[in-house]
Amino acid sequence: MISMEGYEKNSHAVYAIKYHIIWVTKFGYQILRGQLAVRTRELIRQGCEARRIGILQGSVGKEHIHLLLSCPPSLGPSKSCSI
């Protein structure tokens, strides 16, 4: 029997969709520090909550942001990345 742990359900599907997204600053400028990093993290959380996207892991570096997101099947990568 297959374990259903880690899967989510809606009315038409059982799914476990995860996207690994990396945003990089232009020219690799190291600008994501201090208050800018904190505010960026807050905006990402707000955008994900509004779209019912779960943040499984995430980190804000000086020149990039890593996110591991769990999305419903109604959102494709292009929609989930426009947070």
PDB file of N, CA and C in Angstrom:
ATOM      1  N   MET A   1       0.839  -1.176   0.000  1.00  0.00           N
ATOM      2  CA  MET A   1       0.000   0.000   0.000  1.00  0.00           C
ATOM      3  C   MET A   1       0.889   1.247   0.000  1.00  0.00           C
ATOM      4  N   ILE A   2       0.515   2.238  -0.777  1.00  0.00           N
ATOM      5  CA  ILE A   2       1.278   3.476  -0.890  1.00  0.00           C
ATOM      6  C   ILE A   2       0.876   4.420   0.237  1.00  0.00           C
ATOM      7  N   SER A   3       1.872   4.989   0.912  1.00  0.00           N
ATOM      8  CA  SER A   3       1.613   5.950   1.980  1.00  0.00           C
ATOM      9  C   SER A   3       1.213   7.288   1.361  1.00  0.00           C
ATOM     10  N   MET A   4       0.211   7.931   1.932  1.00  0.00           N
ATOM     11  CA  MET A   4      -0.278   9.210   1.414  1.00  0.00           C
ATOM     12  C   MET A   4       0.296  10.395   2.189  1.00  0.00           C
ATOM     13  N   GLU A   5       1.279  10.134   3.035  1.00  0.00           N
ATOM     14  CA  GLU A   5       1.902  11.228   3.764  1.00  0.00           C
ATOM     15  C   GLU A   5       2.680  12.112   2.803  1.00  0.00           C
ATOM     16  N   GLY A   6       2.604  13.390   2.996  1.00  0.00           N
ATOM     17  CA  GLY A   6       3.328  14.319   2.139  1.00  0.00           C
ATOM     18  C   GLY A   6       2.558  14.744   0.906  1.00  0.00           C
ATOM     19  N   TYR A   7       1.381  14.170   0.700  1.00  0.00           N
ATOM     20  CA  TYR A   7       0.555  14.542  -0.440  1.00  0.00           C
ATOM     21  C   TYR A   7      -0.579  15.443   0.013  1.00  0.00           C
ATOM     22  N   GLU A   8      -1.041  16.278  -0.891  1.00  0.00           N
ATOM     23  CA  GLU A   8      -2.187  17.140  -0.610  1.00  0.00           C
ATOM     24  C   GLU A   8      -3.311  16.746  -1.549  1.00  0.00           C
ATOM     25  N   LYS A   9      -4.531  17.120  -1.189  1.00  0.00           N
ATOM     26  CA  LYS A   9      -5.696  16.748  -1.989  1.00  0.00           C
ATOM     27  C   LYS A   9      -6.546  17.970  -2.277  1.00  0.00           C
ATOM     28  N   ASN A  10      -7.179  17.950  -3.440  1.00  0.00           N
ATOM     29  CA  ASN A  10      -8.269  18.883  -3.708  1.00  0.00           C
ATOM     30  C   ASN A  10      -9.416  18.046  -4.264  1.00  0.00           C
ATOM     31  N   SER A  11     -10.422  18.663  -4.823  1.00  0.00           N
ATOM     32  CA  SER A  11     -11.591  17.890  -5.248  1.00  0.00           C
ATOM     33  C   SER A  11     -11.323  16.969  -6.435  1.00  0.00           C
ATOM     34  N   HIS A  12     -10.234  17.212  -7.197  1.00  0.00           N
ATOM     35  CA  HIS A  12      -9.995  16.415  -8.393  1.00  0.00           C
ATOM     36  C   HIS A  12      -8.635  15.735  -8.444  1.00  0.00           C
ATOM     37  N   ALA A  13      -7.784  15.992  -7.470  1.00  0.00           N
ATOM     38  CA  ALA A  13      -6.424  15.459  -7.594  1.00  0.00           C
ATOM     39  C   ALA A  13      -5.763  15.228  -6.234  1.00  0.00           C
ATOM     40  N   VAL A  14      -4.806  14.336  -6.255  1.00  0.00           N
ATOM     41  CA  VAL A  14      -3.884  14.157  -5.139  1.00  0.00           C
ATOM     42  C   VAL A  14      -2.529  14.549  -5.701  1.00  0.00           C
ATOM     43  N   TYR A  15      -1.815  15.432  -5.015  1.00  0.00           N
ATOM     44  CA  TYR A  15      -0.610  15.986  -5.618  1.00  0.00           C
ATOM     45  C   TYR A  15       0.462  16.285  -4.580  1.00  0.00           C
ATOM     46  N   ALA A  16       1.681  16.386  -5.076  1.00  0.00           N
ATOM     47  CA  ALA A  16       2.839  16.840  -4.282  1.00  0.00           C
ATOM     48  C   ALA A  16       3.738  17.582  -5.264  1.00  0.00           C
ATOM     49  N   ILE A  17       3.388  18.820  -5.557  1.00  0.00           N
ATOM     50  CA  ILE A  17       4.124  19.617  -6.535  1.00  0.00           C
ATOM     51  C   ILE A  17       5.064  20.543  -5.783  1.00  0.00           C
ATOM     52  N   LYS A  18       6.329  20.467  -6.120  1.00  0.00           N
ATOM     53  CA  LYS A  18       7.332  21.302  -5.467  1.00  0.00           C
ATOM     54  C   LYS A  18       8.199  21.967  -6.522  1.00  0.00           C
ATOM     55  N   TYR A  19       8.512  23.231  -6.306  1.00  0.00           N
ATOM     56  CA  TYR A  19       9.375  23.985  -7.216  1.00  0.00           C
ATOM     57  C   TYR A  19      10.556  24.535  -6.427  1.00  0.00           C
ATOM     58  N   HIS A  20      11.744  24.407  -7.001  1.00  0.00           N
ATOM     59  CA  HIS A  20      12.939  25.023  -6.427  1.00  0.00           C
ATOM     60  C   HIS A  20      13.219  26.261  -7.261  1.00  0.00           C
ATOM     61  N   ILE A  21      13.093  27.424  -6.641  1.00  0.00           N
ATOM     62  CA  ILE A  21      13.214  28.693  -7.352  1.00  0.00           C
ATOM     63  C   ILE A  21      14.406  29.455  -6.794  1.00  0.00           C
ATOM     64  N   ILE A  22      15.192  30.015  -7.689  1.00  0.00           N
ATOM     65  CA  ILE A  22      16.336  30.830  -7.290  1.00  0.00           C
ATOM     66  C   ILE A  22      16.225  32.172  -8.001  1.00  0.00           C
ATOM     67  N   TRP A  23      16.204  33.240  -7.217  1.00  0.00           N
ATOM     68  CA  TRP A  23      16.258  34.592  -7.768  1.00  0.00           C
ATOM     69  C   TRP A  23      17.663  35.124  -7.529  1.00  0.00           C
ATOM     70  N   VAL A  24      18.235  35.748  -8.553  1.00  0.00           N
ATOM     71  CA  VAL A  24      19.588  36.305  -8.446  1.00  0.00           C
ATOM     72  C   VAL A  24      19.513  37.783  -8.791  1.00  0.00           C
ATOM     73  N   THR A  25      20.251  38.602  -8.046  1.00  0.00           N
ATOM     74  CA  THR A  25      20.268  40.031  -8.334  1.00  0.00           C
ATOM     75  C   THR A  25      21.018  40.291  -9.637  1.00  0.00           C
ATOM     76  N   LYS A  26      20.680  41.372 -10.282  1.00  0.00           N
ATOM     77  CA  LYS A  26      21.327  41.737 -11.536  1.00  0.00           C
ATOM     78  C   LYS A  26      22.821  41.970 -11.299  1.00  0.00           C
ATOM     79  N   PHE A  27      23.640  41.404 -12.155  1.00  0.00           N
ATOM     80  CA  PHE A  27      25.100  41.496 -12.094  1.00  0.00           C
ATOM     81  C   PHE A  27      25.684  40.926 -10.798  1.00  0.00           C
ATOM     82  N   GLY A  28      24.889  40.170 -10.037  1.00  0.00           N
ATOM     83  CA  GLY A  28      25.382  39.568  -8.805  1.00  0.00           C
ATOM     84  C   GLY A  28      25.684  40.565  -7.702  1.00  0.00           C
ATOM     85  N   TYR A  29      25.051  41.747  -7.772  1.00  0.00           N
ATOM     86  CA  TYR A  29      25.275  42.755  -6.727  1.00  0.00           C
ATOM     87  C   TYR A  29      24.815  42.215  -5.375  1.00  0.00           C
ATOM     88  N   GLN A  30      25.603  42.421  -4.353  1.00  0.00           N
ATOM     89  CA  GLN A  30      25.295  41.928  -3.018  1.00  0.00           C
ATOM     90  C   GLN A  30      24.514  42.989  -2.240  1.00  0.00           C
ATOM     91  N   ILE A  31      23.229  43.109  -2.571  1.00  0.00           N
ATOM     92  CA  ILE A  31      22.403  44.168  -1.978  1.00  0.00           C
ATOM     93  C   ILE A  31      21.390  43.644  -0.975  1.00  0.00           C
ATOM     94  N   LEU A  32      21.189  42.340  -0.896  1.00  0.00           N
ATOM     95  CA  LEU A  32      20.163  41.793  -0.009  1.00  0.00           C
ATOM     96  C   LEU A  32      20.725  41.629   1.404  1.00  0.00           C
ATOM     97  N   ARG A  33      20.845  42.741   2.097  1.00  0.00           N
ATOM     98  CA  ARG A  33      21.375  42.754   3.463  1.00  0.00           C
ATOM     99  C   ARG A  33      20.465  43.580   4.356  1.00  0.00           C
ATOM    100  N   GLY A  34      20.576  43.373   5.649  1.00  0.00           N
ATOM    101  CA  GLY A  34      19.887  44.209   6.638  1.00  0.00           C
ATOM    102  C   GLY A  34      18.392  44.309   6.415  1.00  0.00           C
ATOM    103  N   GLN A  35      17.889  45.532   6.451  1.00  0.00           N
ATOM    104  CA  GLN A  35      16.453  45.785   6.342  1.00  0.00           C
ATOM    105  C   GLN A  35      15.894  45.356   4.989  1.00  0.00           C
ATOM    106  N   LEU A  36      16.680  45.472   3.932  1.00  0.00           N
ATOM    107  CA  LEU A  36      16.212  45.051   2.606  1.00  0.00           C
ATOM    108  C   LEU A  36      15.970  43.537   2.575  1.00  0.00           C
ATOM    109  N   ALA A  37      16.832  42.760   3.194  1.00  0.00           N
ATOM    110  CA  ALA A  37      16.655  41.305   3.252  1.00  0.00           C
ATOM    111  C   ALA A  37      15.419  40.942   4.079  1.00  0.00           C
ATOM    112  N   VAL A  38      15.230  41.626   5.198  1.00  0.00           N
ATOM    113  CA  VAL A  38      14.066  41.364   6.054  1.00  0.00           C
ATOM    114  C   VAL A  38      12.777  41.707   5.326  1.00  0.00           C
ATOM    115  N   ARG A  39      12.740  42.854   4.665  1.00  0.00           N
ATOM    116  CA  ARG A  39      11.537  43.270   3.936  1.00  0.00           C
ATOM    117  C   ARG A  39      11.250  42.339   2.762  1.00  0.00           C
ATOM    118  N   THR A  40      12.284  41.906   2.065  1.00  0.00           N
ATOM    119  CA  THR A  40      12.111  40.960   0.953  1.00  0.00           C
ATOM    120  C   THR A  40      11.494  39.666   1.455  1.00  0.00           C
ATOM    121  N   ARG A  41      11.980  39.169   2.572  1.00  0.00           N
ATOM    122  CA  ARG A  41      11.440  37.938   3.166  1.00  0.00           C
ATOM    123  C   ARG A  41       9.968  38.119   3.527  1.00  0.00           C
ATOM    124  N   GLU A  42       9.602  39.265   4.114  1.00  0.00           N
ATOM    125  CA  GLU A  42       8.210  39.531   4.462  1.00  0.00           C
ATOM    126  C   GLU A  42       7.314  39.557   3.226  1.00  0.00           C
ATOM    127  N   LEU A  43       7.768  40.210   2.161  1.00  0.00           N
ATOM    128  CA  LEU A  43       6.969  40.289   0.931  1.00  0.00           C
ATOM    129  C   LEU A  43       6.778  38.922   0.289  1.00  0.00           C
ATOM    130  N   ILE A  44       7.809  38.099   0.316  1.00  0.00           N
ATOM    131  CA  ILE A  44       7.688  36.744  -0.234  1.00  0.00           C
ATOM    132  C   ILE A  44       6.674  35.943   0.572  1.00  0.00           C
ATOM    133  N   ARG A  45       6.737  36.023   1.889  1.00  0.00           N
ATOM    134  CA  ARG A  45       5.772  35.308   2.734  1.00  0.00           C
ATOM    135  C   ARG A  45       4.347  35.776   2.472  1.00  0.00           C
ATOM    136  N   GLN A  46       4.140  37.086   2.365  1.00  0.00           N
ATOM    137  CA  GLN A  46       2.798  37.616   2.107  1.00  0.00           C
ATOM    138  C   GLN A  46       2.270  37.147   0.754  1.00  0.00           C
ATOM    139  N   GLY A  47       3.119  37.191  -0.260  1.00  0.00           N
ATOM    140  CA  GLY A  47       2.699  36.749  -1.594  1.00  0.00           C
ATOM    141  C   GLY A  47       2.355  35.272  -1.629  1.00  0.00           C
ATOM    142  N   CYS A  48       3.131  34.472  -0.936  1.00  0.00           N
ATOM    143  CA  CYS A  48       2.857  33.033  -0.899  1.00  0.00           C
ATOM    144  C   CYS A  48       1.568  32.728  -0.140  1.00  0.00           C
ATOM    145  N   GLU A  49       1.345  33.403   0.968  1.00  0.00           N
ATOM    146  CA  GLU A  49       0.105  33.204   1.718  1.00  0.00           C
ATOM    147  C   GLU A  49      -1.111  33.575   0.878  1.00  0.00           C
ATOM    148  N   ALA A  50      -1.035  34.667   0.142  1.00  0.00           N
ATOM    149  CA  ALA A  50      -2.162  35.125  -0.674  1.00  0.00           C
ATOM    150  C   ALA A  50      -2.506  34.127  -1.777  1.00  0.00           C
ATOM    151  N   ARG A  51      -1.519  33.369  -2.253  1.00  0.00           N
ATOM    152  CA  ARG A  51      -1.738  32.420  -3.347  1.00  0.00           C
ATOM    153  C   ARG A  51      -1.812  30.973  -2.879  1.00  0.00           C
ATOM    154  N   ARG A  52      -1.861  30.751  -1.568  1.00  0.00           N
ATOM    155  CA  ARG A  52      -1.896  29.403  -0.977  1.00  0.00           C
ATOM    156  C   ARG A  52      -0.693  28.570  -1.390  1.00  0.00           C
ATOM    157  N   ILE A  53       0.480  29.196  -1.403  1.00  0.00           N
ATOM    158  CA  ILE A  53       1.731  28.517  -1.725  1.00  0.00           C
ATOM    159  C   ILE A  53       2.474  28.288  -0.419  1.00  0.00           C
ATOM    160  N   GLY A  54       2.878  27.049  -0.191  1.00  0.00           N
ATOM    161  CA  GLY A  54       3.623  26.729   1.021  1.00  0.00           C
ATOM    162  C   GLY A  54       5.118  26.899   0.799  1.00  0.00           C
ATOM    163  N   ILE A  55       5.781  27.535   1.741  1.00  0.00           N
ATOM    164  CA  ILE A  55       7.235  27.662   1.674  1.00  0.00           C
ATOM    165  C   ILE A  55       7.818  26.532   2.521  1.00  0.00           C
ATOM    166  N   LEU A  56       8.430  25.555   1.875  1.00  0.00           N
ATOM    167  CA  LEU A  56       9.013  24.424   2.586  1.00  0.00           C
ATOM    168  C   LEU A  56      10.389  24.776   3.135  1.00  0.00           C
ATOM    169  N   GLN A  57      11.170  25.493   2.341  1.00  0.00           N
ATOM    170  CA  GLN A  57      12.481  25.972   2.760  1.00  0.00           C
ATOM    171  C   GLN A  57      12.758  27.271   2.029  1.00  0.00           C
ATOM    172  N   GLY A  58      13.569  28.099   2.624  1.00  0.00           N
ATOM    173  CA  GLY A  58      13.929  29.337   1.969  1.00  0.00           C
ATOM    174  C   GLY A  58      15.098  30.002   2.665  1.00  0.00           C
ATOM    175  N   SER A  59      15.870  30.724   1.886  1.00  0.00           N
ATOM    176  CA  SER A  59      16.968  31.486   2.466  1.00  0.00           C
ATOM    177  C   SER A  59      17.227  32.706   1.592  1.00  0.00           C
ATOM    178  N   VAL A  60      17.644  33.781   2.266  1.00  0.00           N
ATOM    179  CA  VAL A  60      17.986  35.010   1.571  1.00  0.00           C
ATOM    180  C   VAL A  60      19.481  35.220   1.746  1.00  0.00           C
ATOM    181  N   GLY A  61      20.217  35.143   0.632  1.00  0.00           N
ATOM    182  CA  GLY A  61      21.647  35.420   0.650  1.00  0.00           C
ATOM    183  C   GLY A  61      21.893  36.865   0.261  1.00  0.00           C
ATOM    184  N   LYS A  62      23.138  37.246   0.154  1.00  0.00           N
ATOM    185  CA  LYS A  62      23.455  38.643  -0.193  1.00  0.00           C
ATOM    186  C   LYS A  62      23.115  38.973  -1.641  1.00  0.00           C
ATOM    187  N   GLU A  63      23.201  37.970  -2.540  1.00  0.00           N
ATOM    188  CA  GLU A  63      22.916  38.239  -3.945  1.00  0.00           C
ATOM    189  C   GLU A  63      21.906  37.269  -4.561  1.00  0.00           C
ATOM    190  N   HIS A  64      21.289  36.418  -3.738  1.00  0.00           N
ATOM    191  CA  HIS A  64      20.290  35.492  -4.283  1.00  0.00           C
ATOM    192  C   HIS A  64      19.303  35.046  -3.208  1.00  0.00           C
ATOM    193  N   ILE A  65      18.177  34.493  -3.667  1.00  0.00           N
ATOM    194  CA  ILE A  65      17.145  33.957  -2.788  1.00  0.00           C
ATOM    195  C   ILE A  65      16.824  32.548  -3.271  1.00  0.00           C
ATOM    196  N   HIS A  66      16.861  31.587  -2.357  1.00  0.00           N
ATOM    197  CA  HIS A  66      16.474  30.205  -2.653  1.00  0.00           C
ATOM    198  C   HIS A  66      15.121  29.937  -2.012  1.00  0.00           C
ATOM    199  N   LEU A  67      14.213  29.309  -2.757  1.00  0.00           N
ATOM    200  CA  LEU A  67      12.912  28.922  -2.230  1.00  0.00           C
ATOM    201  C   LEU A  67      12.561  27.518  -2.698  1.00  0.00           C
ATOM    202  N   LEU A  68      12.032  26.712  -1.799  1.00  0.00           N
ATOM    203  CA  LEU A  68      11.427  25.433  -2.154  1.00  0.00           C
ATOM    204  C   LEU A  68       9.952  25.587  -1.826  1.00  0.00           C
ATOM    205  N   LEU A  69       9.122  25.618  -2.870  1.00  0.00           N
ATOM    206  CA  LEU A  69       7.703  25.926  -2.723  1.00  0.00           C
ATOM    207  C   LEU A  69       6.849  24.711  -3.010  1.00  0.00           C
ATOM    208  N   SER A  70       5.737  24.611  -2.322  1.00  0.00           N
ATOM    209  CA  SER A  70       4.730  23.594  -2.574  1.00  0.00           C
ATOM    210  C   SER A  70       3.492  24.319  -3.089  1.00  0.00           C
ATOM    211  N   CYS A  71       3.082  23.993  -4.318  1.00  0.00           N
ATOM    212  CA  CYS A  71       1.991  24.725  -4.971  1.00  0.00           C
ATOM    213  C   CYS A  71       0.838  23.802  -5.316  1.00  0.00           C
ATOM    214  N   PRO A  72      -0.380  24.335  -5.348  1.00  0.00           N
ATOM    215  CA  PRO A  72      -1.508  23.560  -5.852  1.00  0.00           C
ATOM    216  C   PRO A  72      -1.393  23.397  -7.367  1.00  0.00           C
ATOM    217  N   PRO A  73      -2.041  22.373  -7.939  1.00  0.00           N
ATOM    218  CA  PRO A  73      -1.924  22.136  -9.382  1.00  0.00           C
ATOM    219  C   PRO A  73      -2.506  23.253 -10.250  1.00  0.00           C
ATOM    220  N   SER A  74      -3.312  24.115  -9.689  1.00  0.00           N
ATOM    221  CA  SER A  74      -3.886  25.216 -10.466  1.00  0.00           C
ATOM    222  C   SER A  74      -2.870  26.315 -10.738  1.00  0.00           C
ATOM    223  N   LEU A  75      -1.722  26.294 -10.071  1.00  0.00           N
ATOM    224  CA  LEU A  75      -0.668  27.289 -10.285  1.00  0.00           C
ATOM    225  C   LEU A  75       0.540  26.642 -10.956  1.00  0.00           C
ATOM    226  N   GLY A  76       0.907  27.171 -12.095  1.00  0.00           N
ATOM    227  CA  GLY A  76       2.114  26.709 -12.770  1.00  0.00           C
ATOM    228  C   GLY A  76       3.319  27.488 -12.284  1.00  0.00           C
ATOM    229  N   PRO A  77       4.521  27.104 -12.705  1.00  0.00           N
ATOM    230  CA  PRO A  77       5.725  27.802 -12.264  1.00  0.00           C
ATOM    231  C   PRO A  77       5.710  29.292 -12.601  1.00  0.00           C
ATOM    232  N   SER A  78       5.174  29.661 -13.752  1.00  0.00           N
ATOM    233  CA  SER A  78       5.170  31.069 -14.112  1.00  0.00           C
ATOM    234  C   SER A  78       4.261  31.888 -13.204  1.00  0.00           C
ATOM    235  N   LYS A  79       3.178  31.305 -12.725  1.00  0.00           N
ATOM    236  CA  LYS A  79       2.270  31.991 -11.803  1.00  0.00           C
ATOM    237  C   LYS A  79       2.842  32.010 -10.396  1.00  0.00           C
ATOM    238  N   SER A  80       3.459  30.922  -9.966  1.00  0.00           N
ATOM    239  CA  SER A  80       3.987  30.870  -8.596  1.00  0.00           C
ATOM    240  C   SER A  80       5.230  31.727  -8.445  1.00  0.00           C
ATOM    241  N   CYS A  81       5.935  31.986  -9.537  1.00  0.00           N
ATOM    242  CA  CYS A  81       7.147  32.806  -9.454  1.00  0.00           C
ATOM    243  C   CYS A  81       6.846  34.293  -9.490  1.00  0.00           C
ATOM    244  N   SER A  82       5.635  34.663  -9.804  1.00  0.00           N
ATOM    245  CA  SER A  82       5.304  36.084  -9.880  1.00  0.00           C
ATOM    246  C   SER A  82       4.767  36.582  -8.544  1.00  0.00           C
ATOM    247  N   ILE A  83       5.457  36.243  -7.505  1.00  0.00           N
ATOM    248  CA  ILE A  83       5.062  36.637  -6.152  1.00  0.00           C
ATOM    249  C   ILE A  83       5.388  38.041  -6.036  1.00  0.00           C
TER     250      ILE A  83
END
